């Protein structure tokens, strides 16, 4: 049976949702590995909507995280509240500011952030069952918040301020080049910097391919 990898999306667009390149590259890497992706997202309103031409907030406009994420998943997506741990063998979180705005509120509260309750539920059960979790770009802040008491080794690249926040939440930050990954085998957490550090798409692809392979190898 093909391994089943849950992919947690957070909208559609780098400034207020999932980073589209990272999300698609994750899905491509899963497919190339022979595994199956199960896309999911919370069925909640986005924190705000950003015009991706001007990078300005669009006052008065609202969008739904699940509905927007369905654009990336071509409609094959589940409300994360309906997903049980026995349906997946691992979880991967692509980046984009939606991970820090819609899946948690790190973008607004820093290390004092909280994580969406359904993300907490599924991720913690997956972790407690010994299944691996991959976190891309800014999404490692979610792993730091949820698993900080276990002091996992994770990376967001080389950004000093975010690294300090990660360590305030209990995780150990490891500096990492954009095409590389950090694997905490004991806690089964894999991370890569992606667009926290990347200047081109091919570098993002290299890191995500390695992360996906490492996650699947840990299953």
N, C-alpha and C. Protein backbone atom coordinates (compact mmCIF):
# COMPACT_ATOMS: atom_id res chain seq x y z
N UNK A 1 0.84 -1.20 0.00
CA UNK A 1 0.00 0.00 0.00
C UNK A 1 0.88 1.25 0.00
N UNK A 2 0.48 2.23 -0.81
CA UNK A 2 1.23 3.48 -0.88
C UNK A 2 1.13 4.23 0.45
N UNK A 3 2.22 4.86 0.83
CA UNK A 3 2.20 5.67 2.04
C UNK A 3 1.34 6.90 1.83
N UNK A 4 0.64 7.31 2.87
CA UNK A 4 -0.32 8.41 2.77
C UNK A 4 0.22 9.61 3.56
N UNK A 5 0.44 10.70 2.85
CA UNK A 5 1.05 11.88 3.46
C UNK A 5 0.03 13.01 3.52
N UNK A 6 -0.32 13.42 4.73
CA UNK A 6 -1.21 14.56 4.90
C UNK A 6 -0.47 15.85 4.60
N UNK A 7 -1.09 16.73 3.84
CA UNK A 7 -0.51 18.03 3.50
C UNK A 7 -1.46 19.10 4.03
N UNK A 8 -0.99 19.87 5.00
CA UNK A 8 -1.83 20.86 5.65
C UNK A 8 -1.64 22.21 4.97
N UNK A 9 -2.69 22.66 4.28
CA UNK A 9 -2.65 23.93 3.56
C UNK A 9 -3.29 25.03 4.40
N UNK A 10 -3.01 26.28 4.04
CA UNK A 10 -3.45 27.41 4.87
C UNK A 10 -4.02 28.56 4.05
N UNK A 11 -4.53 28.25 2.87
CA UNK A 11 -5.03 29.27 1.96
C UNK A 11 -4.30 29.19 0.63
N UNK A 12 -4.34 30.26 -0.13
CA UNK A 12 -3.74 30.25 -1.47
C UNK A 12 -3.07 31.58 -1.76
N UNK A 13 -1.76 31.64 -1.55
CA UNK A 13 -1.01 32.86 -1.79
C UNK A 13 -0.07 33.16 -0.65
N UNK A 14 1.16 33.51 -0.97
CA UNK A 14 2.22 33.59 0.03
C UNK A 14 1.94 34.56 1.17
N UNK A 15 1.25 35.68 0.90
CA UNK A 15 1.10 36.72 1.91
C UNK A 15 -0.02 36.45 2.90
N UNK A 16 -0.98 35.60 2.52
CA UNK A 16 -2.11 35.34 3.43
C UNK A 16 -2.55 33.88 3.45
N UNK A 17 -1.80 33.00 2.80
CA UNK A 17 -2.16 31.59 2.72
C UNK A 17 -0.94 30.74 2.50
N UNK A 18 -1.12 29.58 1.89
CA UNK A 18 0.00 28.72 1.55
C UNK A 18 0.85 29.35 0.45
N UNK A 19 2.16 29.20 0.55
CA UNK A 19 3.05 29.60 -0.54
C UNK A 19 2.82 28.58 -1.65
N UNK A 20 2.35 29.05 -2.79
CA UNK A 20 1.87 28.14 -3.83
C UNK A 20 2.99 27.26 -4.38
N UNK A 21 4.16 27.84 -4.62
CA UNK A 21 5.27 27.04 -5.13
C UNK A 21 5.61 25.92 -4.15
N UNK A 22 5.71 26.26 -2.87
CA UNK A 22 6.07 25.26 -1.87
C UNK A 22 5.01 24.17 -1.77
N UNK A 23 3.75 24.55 -1.83
CA UNK A 23 2.68 23.57 -1.75
C UNK A 23 2.69 22.62 -2.95
N UNK A 24 2.84 23.17 -4.14
CA UNK A 24 2.82 22.34 -5.35
C UNK A 24 4.07 21.46 -5.41
N UNK A 25 5.21 22.01 -5.04
CA UNK A 25 6.44 21.20 -5.02
C UNK A 25 6.33 20.06 -4.01
N UNK A 26 5.68 20.30 -2.90
CA UNK A 26 5.45 19.23 -1.92
C UNK A 26 4.58 18.13 -2.52
N UNK A 27 3.50 18.53 -3.17
CA UNK A 27 2.60 17.54 -3.79
C UNK A 27 3.32 16.77 -4.90
N UNK A 28 4.15 17.47 -5.66
CA UNK A 28 4.90 16.81 -6.73
C UNK A 28 5.89 15.80 -6.15
N UNK A 29 6.60 16.20 -5.09
CA UNK A 29 7.57 15.30 -4.48
C UNK A 29 6.89 14.06 -3.90
N UNK A 30 5.73 14.25 -3.30
CA UNK A 30 4.98 13.10 -2.77
C UNK A 30 4.59 12.16 -3.90
N UNK A 31 4.08 12.71 -4.99
CA UNK A 31 3.65 11.90 -6.12
C UNK A 31 4.83 11.14 -6.74
N UNK A 32 5.95 11.83 -6.90
CA UNK A 32 7.14 11.20 -7.49
C UNK A 32 7.68 10.08 -6.62
N UNK A 33 7.43 10.17 -5.32
CA UNK A 33 7.92 9.14 -4.40
C UNK A 33 7.07 7.88 -4.43
N UNK A 34 5.91 7.96 -5.08
CA UNK A 34 4.98 6.83 -5.09
C UNK A 34 4.00 6.84 -3.94
N UNK A 35 4.05 7.91 -3.13
CA UNK A 35 3.10 8.04 -2.03
C UNK A 35 1.85 8.78 -2.50
N UNK A 36 0.88 8.88 -1.61
CA UNK A 36 -0.37 9.58 -1.91
C UNK A 36 -0.54 10.76 -0.96
N UNK A 37 -0.96 11.89 -1.51
CA UNK A 37 -1.19 13.08 -0.69
C UNK A 37 -2.66 13.17 -0.30
N UNK A 38 -2.88 13.57 0.95
CA UNK A 38 -4.23 13.89 1.42
C UNK A 38 -4.18 15.34 1.87
N UNK A 39 -4.74 16.22 1.04
CA UNK A 39 -4.73 17.65 1.36
C UNK A 39 -5.84 17.99 2.34
N UNK A 40 -5.53 18.92 3.23
CA UNK A 40 -6.50 19.33 4.23
C UNK A 40 -6.24 20.77 4.63
N UNK A 41 -7.24 21.41 5.24
CA UNK A 41 -7.10 22.79 5.73
C UNK A 41 -8.23 23.06 6.71
N UNK A 42 -8.03 24.01 7.60
CA UNK A 42 -9.12 24.38 8.51
C UNK A 42 -10.25 25.09 7.75
N UNK A 43 -11.48 24.82 8.15
CA UNK A 43 -12.64 25.47 7.56
C UNK A 43 -12.96 26.73 8.37
N UNK A 44 -12.12 27.75 8.19
CA UNK A 44 -12.24 29.00 8.95
C UNK A 44 -11.96 30.18 8.03
N UNK A 45 -12.33 31.36 8.46
CA UNK A 45 -12.00 32.56 7.71
C UNK A 45 -10.51 32.87 7.83
N UNK A 46 -9.93 33.37 6.74
CA UNK A 46 -8.55 33.85 6.81
C UNK A 46 -8.47 35.03 7.79
N UNK A 47 -7.29 35.22 8.35
CA UNK A 47 -7.09 36.36 9.25
C UNK A 47 -7.29 37.68 8.51
N UNK A 48 -6.82 37.73 7.28
CA UNK A 48 -7.09 38.88 6.41
C UNK A 48 -6.75 38.47 4.98
N UNK A 49 -7.08 39.34 4.03
CA UNK A 49 -6.83 39.08 2.62
C UNK A 49 -5.84 40.13 2.12
N UNK A 50 -4.79 39.67 1.42
CA UNK A 50 -3.75 40.57 0.93
C UNK A 50 -3.78 40.61 -0.60
N UNK A 51 -3.70 41.80 -1.14
CA UNK A 51 -3.55 42.00 -2.58
C UNK A 51 -2.10 41.65 -2.93
N UNK A 52 -1.90 40.60 -3.72
CA UNK A 52 -0.56 40.13 -4.00
C UNK A 52 0.17 40.96 -5.06
N UNK A 53 -0.50 41.95 -5.62
CA UNK A 53 0.18 42.91 -6.50
C UNK A 53 0.80 44.03 -5.67
N UNK A 54 0.04 44.54 -4.71
CA UNK A 54 0.50 45.67 -3.90
C UNK A 54 1.04 45.27 -2.53
N UNK A 55 0.76 44.01 -2.12
CA UNK A 55 1.09 43.52 -0.78
C UNK A 55 0.36 44.29 0.33
N UNK A 56 -0.74 44.90 -0.02
CA UNK A 56 -1.55 45.64 0.94
C UNK A 56 -2.80 44.83 1.32
N UNK A 57 -3.21 44.96 2.58
CA UNK A 57 -4.41 44.29 3.01
C UNK A 57 -5.62 44.86 2.29
N UNK A 58 -6.55 43.99 1.91
CA UNK A 58 -7.77 44.40 1.22
C UNK A 58 -8.89 44.52 2.26
N UNK A 59 -9.08 45.70 2.77
CA UNK A 59 -10.03 45.93 3.84
C UNK A 59 -11.44 45.54 3.41
N UNK A 60 -12.14 44.83 4.28
CA UNK A 60 -13.52 44.46 4.02
C UNK A 60 -13.69 43.18 3.24
N UNK A 61 -12.62 42.59 2.71
CA UNK A 61 -12.74 41.35 1.95
C UNK A 61 -12.43 40.17 2.87
N UNK A 62 -13.22 39.11 2.73
CA UNK A 62 -13.00 37.90 3.52
C UNK A 62 -12.91 36.69 2.60
N UNK A 63 -12.09 35.72 3.00
CA UNK A 63 -11.98 34.46 2.27
C UNK A 63 -11.86 33.32 3.28
N UNK A 64 -12.23 32.13 2.84
CA UNK A 64 -12.21 30.95 3.68
C UNK A 64 -10.96 30.13 3.40
N UNK A 65 -10.27 29.71 4.44
CA UNK A 65 -9.01 28.99 4.29
C UNK A 65 -9.19 27.69 3.52
N UNK A 66 -10.22 26.93 3.84
CA UNK A 66 -10.46 25.65 3.15
C UNK A 66 -10.80 25.88 1.69
N UNK A 67 -11.66 26.84 1.42
CA UNK A 67 -12.07 27.12 0.04
C UNK A 67 -10.88 27.60 -0.80
N UNK A 68 -10.07 28.47 -0.22
CA UNK A 68 -8.90 28.97 -0.96
C UNK A 68 -7.86 27.86 -1.16
N UNK A 69 -7.67 27.02 -0.16
CA UNK A 69 -6.72 25.91 -0.28
C UNK A 69 -7.14 24.93 -1.36
N UNK A 70 -8.45 24.79 -1.57
CA UNK A 70 -8.97 23.89 -2.60
C UNK A 70 -8.49 24.28 -3.99
N UNK A 71 -8.13 25.54 -4.19
CA UNK A 71 -7.57 25.97 -5.48
C UNK A 71 -6.28 25.21 -5.78
N UNK A 72 -5.43 25.06 -4.75
CA UNK A 72 -4.17 24.36 -4.93
C UNK A 72 -4.40 22.86 -5.08
N UNK A 73 -5.33 22.34 -4.32
CA UNK A 73 -5.59 20.90 -4.30
C UNK A 73 -6.50 20.43 -5.43
N UNK A 74 -6.89 21.35 -6.31
CA UNK A 74 -7.81 21.03 -7.42
C UNK A 74 -9.10 20.41 -6.90
N UNK A 75 -9.53 20.90 -5.73
CA UNK A 75 -10.81 20.48 -5.15
C UNK A 75 -10.74 19.23 -4.31
N UNK A 76 -9.62 18.48 -4.36
CA UNK A 76 -9.51 17.25 -3.58
C UNK A 76 -8.90 17.60 -2.22
N UNK A 77 -9.77 18.01 -1.32
CA UNK A 77 -9.30 18.50 -0.03
C UNK A 77 -10.34 18.20 1.04
N UNK A 78 -9.87 18.07 2.28
CA UNK A 78 -10.74 17.78 3.41
C UNK A 78 -10.63 18.87 4.45
N UNK A 79 -11.71 19.08 5.18
CA UNK A 79 -11.66 19.88 6.39
C UNK A 79 -10.78 19.11 7.37
N UNK A 80 -9.75 19.75 7.91
CA UNK A 80 -8.83 19.06 8.80
C UNK A 80 -9.56 18.45 10.00
N UNK A 81 -10.69 19.03 10.39
CA UNK A 81 -11.46 18.51 11.52
C UNK A 81 -11.99 17.11 11.26
N UNK A 82 -12.08 16.72 9.99
CA UNK A 82 -12.63 15.40 9.64
C UNK A 82 -11.54 14.35 9.46
N UNK A 83 -10.28 14.75 9.52
CA UNK A 83 -9.17 13.82 9.25
C UNK A 83 -8.72 13.15 10.54
N UNK A 84 -8.62 11.83 10.49
CA UNK A 84 -8.15 11.05 11.64
C UNK A 84 -6.72 10.58 11.39
N UNK A 85 -5.99 10.37 12.45
CA UNK A 85 -4.58 10.01 12.31
C UNK A 85 -4.38 8.69 11.60
N UNK A 86 -5.35 7.76 11.71
CA UNK A 86 -5.16 6.47 11.05
C UNK A 86 -5.34 6.54 9.54
N UNK A 87 -5.68 7.72 9.02
CA UNK A 87 -5.80 7.90 7.58
C UNK A 87 -4.48 8.32 6.94
N UNK A 88 -3.50 8.69 7.75
CA UNK A 88 -2.23 9.20 7.21
C UNK A 88 -1.06 8.55 7.93
N UNK A 89 0.07 8.54 7.23
CA UNK A 89 1.32 8.01 7.78
C UNK A 89 2.29 9.11 8.18
N UNK A 90 2.02 10.34 7.77
CA UNK A 90 2.90 11.48 8.07
C UNK A 90 2.15 12.75 7.74
N UNK A 91 2.69 13.87 8.22
CA UNK A 91 2.14 15.20 7.93
C UNK A 91 3.23 16.10 7.40
N UNK A 92 2.90 16.92 6.40
CA UNK A 92 3.81 17.96 5.92
C UNK A 92 3.05 19.28 5.88
N UNK A 93 3.72 20.33 6.39
CA UNK A 93 3.17 21.68 6.39
C UNK A 93 3.98 22.55 5.43
N UNK A 94 3.47 22.88 4.24
CA UNK A 94 4.14 23.89 3.42
C UNK A 94 4.11 25.24 4.13
N UNK A 95 4.98 26.16 3.68
CA UNK A 95 5.03 27.47 4.30
C UNK A 95 4.08 28.47 3.66
N UNK A 96 4.49 29.74 3.67
CA UNK A 96 3.60 30.83 3.34
C UNK A 96 3.09 31.45 4.62
N UNK A 97 2.77 32.75 4.58
CA UNK A 97 2.35 33.44 5.79
C UNK A 97 1.05 32.88 6.36
N UNK A 98 0.28 32.15 5.54
CA UNK A 98 -0.93 31.51 6.07
C UNK A 98 -0.62 30.54 7.19
N UNK A 99 0.56 29.88 7.12
CA UNK A 99 0.95 28.98 8.19
C UNK A 99 1.11 29.73 9.51
N UNK A 100 1.53 31.00 9.40
CA UNK A 100 1.77 31.83 10.59
C UNK A 100 0.62 32.77 10.89
N UNK A 101 -0.43 32.74 10.07
CA UNK A 101 -1.60 33.60 10.28
C UNK A 101 -2.88 32.80 10.48
N UNK A 102 -3.02 31.69 9.75
CA UNK A 102 -4.26 30.92 9.77
C UNK A 102 -4.13 29.59 10.52
N UNK A 103 -2.97 28.94 10.42
CA UNK A 103 -2.76 27.69 11.17
C UNK A 103 -2.32 27.98 12.59
N UNK A 104 -1.64 29.11 12.76
CA UNK A 104 -1.32 29.63 14.09
C UNK A 104 -1.29 31.14 13.96
N UNK A 105 -1.05 31.85 15.03
CA UNK A 105 -1.03 33.31 14.96
C UNK A 105 0.36 33.89 15.28
N UNK A 106 1.39 33.13 14.91
CA UNK A 106 2.77 33.59 15.14
C UNK A 106 3.03 34.94 14.50
N UNK A 107 2.46 35.20 13.33
CA UNK A 107 2.70 36.47 12.63
C UNK A 107 2.24 37.67 13.44
N UNK A 108 1.32 37.45 14.35
CA UNK A 108 0.76 38.54 15.15
C UNK A 108 1.26 38.54 16.60
N UNK A 109 1.61 37.36 17.11
CA UNK A 109 1.92 37.25 18.54
C UNK A 109 3.31 36.69 18.83
N UNK A 110 4.07 36.35 17.79
CA UNK A 110 5.41 35.84 18.00
C UNK A 110 5.42 34.57 18.85
N UNK A 111 6.40 34.43 19.73
CA UNK A 111 6.52 33.21 20.54
C UNK A 111 5.32 32.94 21.46
N UNK A 112 4.50 33.95 21.69
CA UNK A 112 3.31 33.77 22.52
C UNK A 112 2.11 33.27 21.72
N UNK A 113 2.36 32.81 20.52
CA UNK A 113 1.29 32.40 19.61
C UNK A 113 0.55 31.17 20.12
N UNK A 114 -0.61 30.95 19.52
CA UNK A 114 -1.37 29.73 19.74
C UNK A 114 -1.61 29.08 18.38
N UNK A 115 -1.84 27.78 18.39
CA UNK A 115 -2.04 27.01 17.16
C UNK A 115 -3.51 26.62 17.06
N UNK A 116 -4.03 26.63 15.83
CA UNK A 116 -5.43 26.26 15.60
C UNK A 116 -5.72 24.91 16.26
N UNK A 117 -6.81 24.80 17.00
CA UNK A 117 -7.07 23.58 17.77
C UNK A 117 -7.10 22.29 16.96
N UNK A 118 -7.60 22.33 15.73
CA UNK A 118 -7.64 21.11 14.92
C UNK A 118 -6.25 20.74 14.40
N UNK A 119 -5.41 21.75 14.19
CA UNK A 119 -4.01 21.47 13.85
C UNK A 119 -3.32 20.82 15.03
N UNK A 120 -3.56 21.36 16.23
CA UNK A 120 -3.00 20.77 17.45
C UNK A 120 -3.44 19.31 17.59
N UNK A 121 -4.74 19.10 17.47
CA UNK A 121 -5.29 17.74 17.64
C UNK A 121 -4.60 16.73 16.74
N UNK A 122 -4.60 17.01 15.43
CA UNK A 122 -4.09 16.03 14.48
C UNK A 122 -2.57 15.89 14.58
N UNK A 123 -1.88 17.01 14.64
CA UNK A 123 -0.41 16.96 14.68
C UNK A 123 0.09 16.25 15.92
N UNK A 124 -0.54 16.50 17.06
CA UNK A 124 -0.07 15.87 18.29
C UNK A 124 -0.35 14.37 18.31
N UNK A 125 -1.48 13.95 17.79
CA UNK A 125 -1.75 12.52 17.73
C UNK A 125 -0.78 11.84 16.77
N UNK A 126 -0.56 12.46 15.61
CA UNK A 126 0.41 11.93 14.65
C UNK A 126 1.78 11.78 15.31
N UNK A 127 2.20 12.81 16.02
CA UNK A 127 3.51 12.77 16.69
C UNK A 127 3.54 11.70 17.78
N UNK A 128 2.50 11.63 18.58
CA UNK A 128 2.47 10.66 19.66
C UNK A 128 2.46 9.22 19.15
N UNK A 129 1.95 9.03 17.95
CA UNK A 129 1.95 7.69 17.34
C UNK A 129 3.27 7.38 16.63
N UNK A 130 4.23 8.29 16.72
CA UNK A 130 5.55 8.04 16.14
C UNK A 130 5.62 8.25 14.65
N UNK A 131 4.68 9.01 14.11
CA UNK A 131 4.68 9.31 12.68
C UNK A 131 5.41 10.64 12.44
N UNK A 132 6.11 10.76 11.31
CA UNK A 132 6.93 11.96 11.08
C UNK A 132 6.12 13.17 10.65
N UNK A 133 6.71 14.35 10.93
CA UNK A 133 6.14 15.63 10.54
C UNK A 133 7.20 16.44 9.81
N UNK A 134 6.84 16.97 8.64
CA UNK A 134 7.72 17.85 7.89
C UNK A 134 7.20 19.28 7.91
N UNK A 135 8.09 20.24 8.10
CA UNK A 135 7.70 21.64 8.17
C UNK A 135 8.61 22.47 7.27
N UNK A 136 7.99 23.30 6.44
CA UNK A 136 8.69 24.02 5.38
C UNK A 136 8.61 25.53 5.63
N UNK A 137 9.70 26.24 5.35
CA UNK A 137 9.70 27.70 5.36
C UNK A 137 9.40 28.24 6.77
N UNK A 138 8.30 28.95 6.97
CA UNK A 138 7.95 29.50 8.28
C UNK A 138 7.18 28.49 9.14
N UNK A 139 6.72 27.41 8.55
CA UNK A 139 5.93 26.42 9.30
C UNK A 139 6.66 25.78 10.48
N UNK A 140 8.00 25.78 10.53
CA UNK A 140 8.66 25.26 11.73
C UNK A 140 8.24 25.95 13.03
N UNK A 141 7.69 27.16 12.95
CA UNK A 141 7.22 27.79 14.20
C UNK A 141 6.08 26.98 14.80
N UNK A 142 5.31 26.29 13.97
CA UNK A 142 4.23 25.44 14.48
C UNK A 142 4.81 24.27 15.25
N UNK A 143 5.84 23.63 14.66
CA UNK A 143 6.50 22.51 15.35
C UNK A 143 7.15 22.97 16.64
N UNK A 144 7.75 24.16 16.62
CA UNK A 144 8.39 24.69 17.84
C UNK A 144 7.36 24.90 18.94
N UNK A 145 6.21 25.43 18.57
CA UNK A 145 5.16 25.69 19.57
C UNK A 145 4.58 24.39 20.12
N UNK A 146 4.32 23.44 19.25
CA UNK A 146 3.67 22.21 19.68
C UNK A 146 4.62 21.26 20.42
N UNK A 147 5.88 21.23 19.99
CA UNK A 147 6.82 20.23 20.49
C UNK A 147 7.96 20.83 21.29
N UNK A 148 7.83 22.10 21.65
CA UNK A 148 8.92 22.80 22.33
C UNK A 148 9.41 22.11 23.58
N UNK A 149 8.53 21.47 24.31
CA UNK A 149 8.94 20.79 25.54
C UNK A 149 9.87 19.62 25.27
N UNK A 150 9.89 19.13 24.01
CA UNK A 150 10.80 18.04 23.63
C UNK A 150 12.09 18.56 23.00
N UNK A 151 12.17 19.87 22.80
CA UNK A 151 13.36 20.54 22.27
C UNK A 151 13.82 19.96 20.92
N UNK A 152 12.91 19.90 19.95
CA UNK A 152 13.31 19.36 18.64
C UNK A 152 14.30 20.27 17.92
N UNK A 153 15.14 19.68 17.09
CA UNK A 153 16.04 20.44 16.23
C UNK A 153 15.32 20.76 14.93
N UNK A 154 15.19 22.04 14.62
CA UNK A 154 14.50 22.47 13.42
C UNK A 154 15.21 23.68 12.83
N UNK A 155 14.87 24.01 11.58
CA UNK A 155 15.49 25.15 10.92
C UNK A 155 14.47 26.01 10.20
N UNK A 156 14.74 27.29 10.14
CA UNK A 156 14.07 28.20 9.20
C UNK A 156 15.13 28.86 8.32
N UNK A 157 16.33 28.31 8.34
CA UNK A 157 17.42 28.86 7.52
C UNK A 157 18.42 29.60 8.38
N UNK A 158 18.48 30.93 8.18
CA UNK A 158 19.48 31.72 8.91
C UNK A 158 18.91 33.01 9.50
N UNK A 159 17.60 33.19 9.44
CA UNK A 159 17.00 34.42 9.97
C UNK A 159 17.11 34.44 11.49
N UNK A 160 17.90 35.40 12.02
CA UNK A 160 18.23 35.40 13.44
C UNK A 160 17.02 35.67 14.33
N UNK A 161 16.14 36.58 13.91
CA UNK A 161 14.99 36.92 14.75
C UNK A 161 14.03 35.75 14.89
N UNK A 162 13.72 35.09 13.77
CA UNK A 162 12.82 33.94 13.83
C UNK A 162 13.48 32.79 14.59
N UNK A 163 14.78 32.62 14.39
CA UNK A 163 15.50 31.57 15.12
C UNK A 163 15.41 31.79 16.63
N UNK A 164 15.54 33.05 17.06
CA UNK A 164 15.43 33.36 18.48
C UNK A 164 14.03 33.03 19.01
N UNK A 165 13.02 33.34 18.21
CA UNK A 165 11.65 33.03 18.62
C UNK A 165 11.44 31.52 18.75
N UNK A 166 12.00 30.78 17.81
CA UNK A 166 11.88 29.32 17.85
C UNK A 166 12.51 28.77 19.14
N UNK A 167 13.64 29.33 19.51
CA UNK A 167 14.31 28.86 20.72
C UNK A 167 13.55 29.29 21.98
N UNK A 168 12.89 30.45 21.92
CA UNK A 168 12.05 30.87 23.05
C UNK A 168 10.91 29.89 23.28
N UNK A 169 10.47 29.24 22.21
CA UNK A 169 9.37 28.28 22.33
C UNK A 169 9.87 26.89 22.73
N UNK A 170 11.18 26.74 22.89
CA UNK A 170 11.73 25.50 23.40
C UNK A 170 12.49 24.64 22.42
N UNK A 171 12.36 24.93 21.12
CA UNK A 171 13.06 24.15 20.11
C UNK A 171 14.52 24.62 19.99
N UNK A 172 15.33 23.80 19.38
CA UNK A 172 16.72 24.17 19.11
C UNK A 172 16.86 24.49 17.62
N UNK A 173 17.24 25.73 17.31
CA UNK A 173 17.38 26.11 15.91
C UNK A 173 18.74 25.71 15.37
N UNK A 174 18.73 25.17 14.15
CA UNK A 174 19.95 24.78 13.46
C UNK A 174 20.02 25.56 12.16
N UNK A 175 21.07 26.37 11.96
CA UNK A 175 21.22 27.10 10.71
C UNK A 175 21.39 26.11 9.56
N UNK A 176 20.84 26.48 8.40
CA UNK A 176 20.77 25.51 7.30
C UNK A 176 20.74 26.24 5.97
N UNK A 177 21.45 25.72 4.98
CA UNK A 177 21.38 26.26 3.63
C UNK A 177 20.04 25.93 2.99
N UNK A 178 19.66 26.72 1.99
CA UNK A 178 18.32 26.61 1.41
C UNK A 178 18.05 25.25 0.77
N UNK A 179 19.07 24.62 0.22
CA UNK A 179 18.85 23.35 -0.47
C UNK A 179 18.97 22.15 0.47
N UNK A 180 19.20 22.41 1.75
CA UNK A 180 19.42 21.32 2.70
C UNK A 180 18.24 21.17 3.66
N UNK A 181 18.30 20.15 4.48
CA UNK A 181 17.25 19.88 5.45
C UNK A 181 17.88 19.60 6.82
N UNK A 182 17.08 19.73 7.85
CA UNK A 182 17.47 19.31 9.20
C UNK A 182 16.53 18.19 9.61
N UNK A 183 17.10 17.07 9.98
CA UNK A 183 16.32 15.90 10.37
C UNK A 183 16.56 15.60 11.85
N UNK A 184 15.52 15.68 12.65
CA UNK A 184 15.58 15.25 14.04
C UNK A 184 14.98 13.84 14.06
N UNK A 185 15.86 12.85 13.99
CA UNK A 185 15.39 11.46 13.87
C UNK A 185 14.66 10.99 15.13
N UNK A 186 15.11 11.46 16.29
CA UNK A 186 14.49 11.01 17.53
C UNK A 186 13.05 11.45 17.65
N UNK A 187 12.78 12.67 17.20
CA UNK A 187 11.42 13.22 17.30
C UNK A 187 10.67 13.14 15.97
N UNK A 188 11.36 12.67 14.94
CA UNK A 188 10.79 12.51 13.60
C UNK A 188 10.21 13.83 13.07
N UNK A 189 11.03 14.86 13.14
CA UNK A 189 10.67 16.18 12.60
C UNK A 189 11.72 16.56 11.55
N UNK A 190 11.24 16.95 10.37
CA UNK A 190 12.13 17.34 9.27
C UNK A 190 11.76 18.76 8.84
N UNK A 191 12.77 19.59 8.61
CA UNK A 191 12.50 20.98 8.22
C UNK A 191 13.46 21.43 7.13
N UNK A 192 13.03 22.43 6.36
CA UNK A 192 13.86 23.02 5.31
C UNK A 192 13.48 24.48 5.14
N UNK A 193 14.43 25.38 4.80
CA UNK A 193 14.14 26.82 4.77
C UNK A 193 13.24 27.29 3.65
N UNK A 194 13.33 26.68 2.47
CA UNK A 194 12.55 27.12 1.30
C UNK A 194 12.63 28.64 1.13
N UNK A 195 11.48 29.32 1.00
CA UNK A 195 11.50 30.76 0.70
C UNK A 195 11.84 31.64 1.90
N UNK A 196 12.13 31.05 3.05
CA UNK A 196 12.73 31.85 4.12
C UNK A 196 14.13 32.29 3.72
N UNK A 197 14.69 31.60 2.72
CA UNK A 197 16.08 31.83 2.34
C UNK A 197 16.30 31.83 0.83
N UNK A 198 15.40 31.22 0.09
CA UNK A 198 15.63 30.96 -1.34
C UNK A 198 15.55 32.22 -2.20
N UNK A 199 16.34 32.22 -3.26
CA UNK A 199 16.28 33.26 -4.28
C UNK A 199 15.74 32.73 -5.60
N UNK A 200 15.56 31.41 -5.69
CA UNK A 200 15.05 30.85 -6.94
C UNK A 200 14.27 29.57 -6.66
N UNK A 201 13.44 29.22 -7.60
CA UNK A 201 12.52 28.09 -7.45
C UNK A 201 13.26 26.76 -7.37
N UNK A 202 14.34 26.63 -8.12
CA UNK A 202 15.05 25.35 -8.15
C UNK A 202 15.64 25.01 -6.78
N UNK A 203 16.10 26.03 -6.05
CA UNK A 203 16.62 25.78 -4.70
C UNK A 203 15.50 25.32 -3.76
N UNK A 204 14.33 25.95 -3.88
CA UNK A 204 13.18 25.54 -3.08
C UNK A 204 12.83 24.08 -3.39
N UNK A 205 12.83 23.75 -4.67
CA UNK A 205 12.49 22.39 -5.10
C UNK A 205 13.47 21.37 -4.52
N UNK A 206 14.75 21.71 -4.51
CA UNK A 206 15.76 20.80 -4.00
C UNK A 206 15.52 20.49 -2.53
N UNK A 207 15.29 21.53 -1.72
CA UNK A 207 15.06 21.32 -0.29
C UNK A 207 13.80 20.55 -0.01
N UNK A 208 12.72 20.88 -0.71
CA UNK A 208 11.45 20.20 -0.47
C UNK A 208 11.51 18.74 -0.92
N UNK A 209 12.20 18.47 -2.01
CA UNK A 209 12.36 17.08 -2.46
C UNK A 209 13.08 16.26 -1.39
N UNK A 210 14.13 16.83 -0.82
CA UNK A 210 14.88 16.13 0.23
C UNK A 210 14.03 15.95 1.48
N UNK A 211 13.28 17.00 1.85
CA UNK A 211 12.42 16.90 3.02
C UNK A 211 11.37 15.81 2.84
N UNK A 212 10.72 15.79 1.70
CA UNK A 212 9.67 14.81 1.46
C UNK A 212 10.23 13.39 1.50
N UNK A 213 11.38 13.20 0.88
CA UNK A 213 12.02 11.88 0.90
C UNK A 213 12.36 11.46 2.33
N UNK A 214 12.88 12.41 3.11
CA UNK A 214 13.26 12.09 4.49
C UNK A 214 12.03 11.76 5.33
N UNK A 215 10.95 12.52 5.14
CA UNK A 215 9.71 12.24 5.88
C UNK A 215 9.21 10.83 5.55
N UNK A 216 9.19 10.50 4.29
CA UNK A 216 8.69 9.19 3.87
C UNK A 216 9.60 8.08 4.38
N UNK A 217 10.90 8.31 4.39
CA UNK A 217 11.84 7.31 4.91
C UNK A 217 11.66 7.06 6.40
N UNK A 218 11.13 8.06 7.12
CA UNK A 218 10.90 7.92 8.57
C UNK A 218 9.61 7.20 8.91
N UNK A 219 8.75 7.01 7.92
CA UNK A 219 7.47 6.33 8.17
C UNK A 219 7.71 4.88 8.57
